[in-house]
Structure formats: structure tokens, C-alpha cells
Amino acid sequence: METQRKIIFHGDHFTDFYLGQPEKVQEKIEFVFKVIRTVQNVPKKFLNHLTGTDGLYEIRIEFESNIYRIFCCFDEGKLVVLFNGFQKKTQKTPRKQIDLALRLKDDYFNSKKK
């Protein structure tokens, strides 16, 4: 299976979120990452652009009746940079999580310039 994209993490937010999840949820996250790494056109059900943002995407994970989101962006086309993840409890994505992801995205690109 050919790799289409590479996934990296920026900061500890994603790792902290991931390590705090039950094993079955971690397995589902790994499955979705595999889809993102290997499938040319990733279905929107797994990866979707966040409306009203400049290049911020959310990785969507559903497990049992729980919904999880991981914010990310693309860099140099084939690099997916993960920021923060959270369990979604309401229809609306919490503004605090979006703001954090946007801050981390700015941090990431600013750190690359140095």
C-alpha cells in the first residue's frame, strides 16, 4: 500500500488526548490515520475542511456512540500536521477548541520560519 501522506504532531496536545483514550478508541484513531495516509481521496466522513477557517481541517472519528475530532492542517501537500483532539459532546464544535487549533497552526508555521 502506497503512502499518500505523512502524519506528524505539533506540540503535545494530540498525544495527551490520544493517551487519555481507551484502547478501542485509539485503535479507531489508528484506523482513520491509515485511511488518511493511504487513500488518495479521503472521504469527508473522515477528513473535512472546517468552514470559515484558513486551511484548518478536522479528522472525524466515531466509535460506538461517541464522536471525536482531531484538528489538523496540510503542509507541503502531503504532510498532515495534527494539533489538538477532543471528544465532541454537542452538535457545535467548541470555539475554544477551534481557537486552540488555530493558535497551534500559527505556532507550527511560525516555528518553521525560524
C-alpha atoms as a PDB file:
ATOM      1  CA  MET A   1       0.000   0.000   0.000  1.00  0.00           C
ATOM      2  CA  GLU A   2       1.493   3.268  -1.106  1.00  0.00           C
ATOM      3  CA  THR A   3       1.688   6.171   1.309  1.00  0.00           C
ATOM      4  CA  GLN A   4      -0.082   9.285   0.069  1.00  0.00           C
ATOM      5  CA  ARG A   5       0.518  11.434   3.149  1.00  0.00           C
ATOM      6  CA  LYS A   6       2.672  11.579   6.239  1.00  0.00           C
ATOM      7  CA  ILE A   7       1.192  12.460   9.648  1.00  0.00           C
ATOM      8  CA  ILE A   8       3.159  14.433  12.238  1.00  0.00           C
ATOM      9  CA  PHE A   9       2.194  16.031  15.560  1.00  0.00           C
ATOM     10  CA  HIS A  10       2.817  19.624  16.606  1.00  0.00           C
ATOM     11  CA  GLY A  11       3.144  20.054  20.359  1.00  0.00           C
ATOM     12  CA  ASP A  12       1.771  17.671  22.996  1.00  0.00           C
ATOM     13  CA  HIS A  13      -1.947  18.373  22.688  1.00  0.00           C
ATOM     14  CA  PHE A  14      -2.718  15.475  20.362  1.00  0.00           C
ATOM     15  CA  THR A  15      -0.503  12.989  22.224  1.00  0.00           C
ATOM     16  CA  ASP A  16      -2.092  13.931  25.566  1.00  0.00           C
ATOM     17  CA  PHE A  17      -5.568  13.476  24.068  1.00  0.00           C
ATOM     18  CA  TYR A  18      -4.660  10.153  22.411  1.00  0.00           C
ATOM     19  CA  LEU A  19      -3.057   8.635  25.505  1.00  0.00           C
ATOM     20  CA  GLY A  20      -6.143   9.542  27.529  1.00  0.00           C
ATOM     21  CA  GLN A  21      -8.443   7.449  25.302  1.00  0.00           C
ATOM     22  CA  PRO A  22      -9.495   3.826  25.842  1.00  0.00           C
ATOM     23  CA  GLU A  23      -7.638   1.246  23.737  1.00  0.00           C
ATOM     24  CA  LYS A  24     -10.591   0.686  21.373  1.00  0.00           C
ATOM     25  CA  VAL A  25     -10.793   4.416  20.622  1.00  0.00           C
ATOM     26  CA  GLN A  26      -7.015   4.501  19.992  1.00  0.00           C
ATOM     27  CA  GLU A  27      -7.452   1.609  17.532  1.00  0.00           C
ATOM     28  CA  LYS A  28     -10.190   3.500  15.693  1.00  0.00           C
ATOM     29  CA  ILE A  29      -7.975   6.619  15.561  1.00  0.00           C
ATOM     30  CA  GLU A  30      -5.164   4.478  14.085  1.00  0.00           C
ATOM     31  CA  PHE A  31      -7.579   3.073  11.506  1.00  0.00           C
ATOM     32  CA  VAL A  32      -8.642   6.568  10.399  1.00  0.00           C
ATOM     33  CA  PHE A  33      -4.969   7.673  10.257  1.00  0.00           C
ATOM     34  CA  LYS A  34      -4.245   4.704   7.999  1.00  0.00           C
ATOM     35  CA  VAL A  35      -7.048   5.831   5.667  1.00  0.00           C
ATOM     36  CA  ILE A  36      -5.635   9.379   5.628  1.00  0.00           C
ATOM     37  CA  ARG A  37      -2.103   8.095   4.961  1.00  0.00           C
ATOM     38  CA  THR A  38      -3.018   5.707   2.174  1.00  0.00           C
ATOM     39  CA  VAL A  39      -6.227   6.752   0.393  1.00  0.00           C
ATOM     40  CA  GLN A  40      -5.862   9.263  -2.459  1.00  0.00           C
ATOM     41  CA  ASN A  41      -9.265  10.924  -1.937  1.00  0.00           C
ATOM     42  CA  VAL A  42     -10.106  10.661   1.750  1.00  0.00           C
ATOM     43  CA  PRO A  43     -13.907  10.547   2.321  1.00  0.00           C
ATOM     44  CA  LYS A  44     -15.370  13.621   4.068  1.00  0.00           C
ATOM     45  CA  LYS A  45     -16.663  11.288   6.743  1.00  0.00           C
ATOM     46  CA  PHE A  46     -13.018  11.004   7.949  1.00  0.00           C
ATOM     47  CA  LEU A  47     -11.482  14.357   6.967  1.00  0.00           C
ATOM     48  CA  ASN A  48     -13.272  17.613   6.348  1.00  0.00           C
ATOM     49  CA  HIS A  49     -12.316  21.277   5.947  1.00  0.00           C
ATOM     50  CA  LEU A  50     -13.601  23.426   8.801  1.00  0.00           C
ATOM     51  CA  THR A  51     -15.854  26.077   7.282  1.00  0.00           C
ATOM     52  CA  GLY A  52     -14.767  29.640   7.927  1.00  0.00           C
ATOM     53  CA  THR A  53     -11.112  28.785   8.631  1.00  0.00           C
ATOM     54  CA  ASP A  54      -7.978  29.192   6.590  1.00  0.00           C
ATOM     55  CA  GLY A  55      -6.877  25.630   5.944  1.00  0.00           C
ATOM     56  CA  LEU A  56      -7.975  24.039   9.215  1.00  0.00           C
ATOM     57  CA  TYR A  57      -9.332  20.505   8.885  1.00  0.00           C
ATOM     58  CA  GLU A  58     -10.936  18.107  11.297  1.00  0.00           C
ATOM     59  CA  ILE A  59     -10.314  14.392  11.375  1.00  0.00           C
ATOM     60  CA  ARG A  60     -13.557  12.695  12.332  1.00  0.00           C
ATOM     61  CA  ILE A  61     -13.652   9.570  14.441  1.00  0.00           C
ATOM     62  CA  GLU A  62     -16.810   7.830  15.544  1.00  0.00           C
ATOM     63  CA  PHE A  63     -16.725   4.959  17.972  1.00  0.00           C
ATOM     64  CA  GLU A  64     -19.840   3.407  19.444  1.00  0.00           C
ATOM     65  CA  SER A  65     -21.992   6.455  20.211  1.00  0.00           C
ATOM     66  CA  ASN A  66     -19.045   8.786  20.793  1.00  0.00           C
ATOM     67  CA  ILE A  67     -17.671  11.355  18.378  1.00  0.00           C
ATOM     68  CA  TYR A  68     -14.066  12.525  18.451  1.00  0.00           C
ATOM     69  CA  ARG A  69     -12.399  15.310  16.483  1.00  0.00           C
ATOM     70  CA  ILE A  70      -8.734  15.979  15.815  1.00  0.00           C
ATOM     71  CA  PHE A  71      -7.759  19.285  14.240  1.00  0.00           C
ATOM     72  CA  CYS A  72      -5.034  19.368  11.619  1.00  0.00           C
ATOM     73  CA  CYS A  73      -3.756  21.164   8.550  1.00  0.00           C
ATOM     74  CA  PHE A  74      -1.789  20.287   5.457  1.00  0.00           C
ATOM     75  CA  ASP A  75       1.778  21.394   4.855  1.00  0.00           C
ATOM     76  CA  GLU A  76       3.627  20.974   1.580  1.00  0.00           C
ATOM     77  CA  GLY A  77       0.709  18.982   0.194  1.00  0.00           C
ATOM     78  CA  LYS A  78       1.474  15.561   1.619  1.00  0.00           C
ATOM     79  CA  LEU A  79       2.168  16.367   5.254  1.00  0.00           C
ATOM     80  CA  VAL A  80      -0.712  16.295   7.736  1.00  0.00           C
ATOM     81  CA  VAL A  81       0.080  18.211  10.942  1.00  0.00           C
ATOM     82  CA  LEU A  82      -2.040  17.242  13.965  1.00  0.00           C
ATOM     83  CA  PHE A  83      -2.872  19.800  16.632  1.00  0.00           C
ATOM     84  CA  ASN A  84      -5.481  19.013  19.287  1.00  0.00           C
ATOM     85  CA  GLY A  85      -8.188  16.418  19.767  1.00  0.00           C
ATOM     86  CA  PHE A  86     -11.309  16.253  21.886  1.00  0.00           C
ATOM     87  CA  GLN A  87     -14.484  14.278  22.413  1.00  0.00           C
ATOM     88  CA  LYS A  88     -17.450  16.061  20.904  1.00  0.00           C
ATOM     89  CA  LYS A  89     -20.391  16.329  23.292  1.00  0.00           C
ATOM     90  CA  THR A  90     -22.673  18.687  21.324  1.00  0.00           C
ATOM     91  CA  GLN A  91     -23.563  19.369  17.684  1.00  0.00           C
ATOM     92  CA  LYS A  92     -21.454  22.500  17.650  1.00  0.00           C
ATOM     93  CA  THR A  93     -17.673  22.295  17.798  1.00  0.00           C
ATOM     94  CA  PRO A  94     -16.498  24.259  20.870  1.00  0.00           C
ATOM     95  CA  ARG A  95     -14.986  27.621  19.876  1.00  0.00           C
ATOM     96  CA  LYS A  96     -12.249  27.116  22.478  1.00  0.00           C
ATOM     97  CA  GLN A  97     -11.030  24.000  20.635  1.00  0.00           C
ATOM     98  CA  ILE A  98     -11.063  25.772  17.254  1.00  0.00           C
ATOM     99  CA  ASP A  99      -9.166  28.761  18.711  1.00  0.00           C
ATOM    100  CA  LEU A 100      -6.576  26.423  20.237  1.00  0.00           C
ATOM    101  CA  ALA A 101      -6.125  24.637  16.897  1.00  0.00           C
ATOM    102  CA  LEU A 102      -5.695  27.958  15.066  1.00  0.00           C
ATOM    103  CA  ARG A 103      -3.100  29.087  17.633  1.00  0.00           C
ATOM    104  CA  LEU A 104      -1.206  25.800  17.274  1.00  0.00           C
ATOM    105  CA  LYS A 105      -1.355  26.107  13.479  1.00  0.00           C
ATOM    106  CA  ASP A 106       0.165  29.618  13.693  1.00  0.00           C
ATOM    107  CA  ASP A 107       2.830  28.302  16.104  1.00  0.00           C
ATOM    108  CA  TYR A 108       3.684  25.494  13.706  1.00  0.00           C
ATOM    109  CA  PHE A 109       4.162  27.730  10.665  1.00  0.00           C
ATOM    110  CA  ASN A 110       5.995  30.388  12.692  1.00  0.00           C
ATOM    111  CA  SER A 111       8.402  27.786  14.080  1.00  0.00           C
ATOM    112  CA  LYS A 112       9.151  26.633  10.524  1.00  0.00           C
ATOM    113  CA  LYS A 113      10.203  30.151   9.502  1.00  0.00           C
ATOM    114  CA  LYS A 114      12.913  30.278  12.169  1.00  0.00           C
END
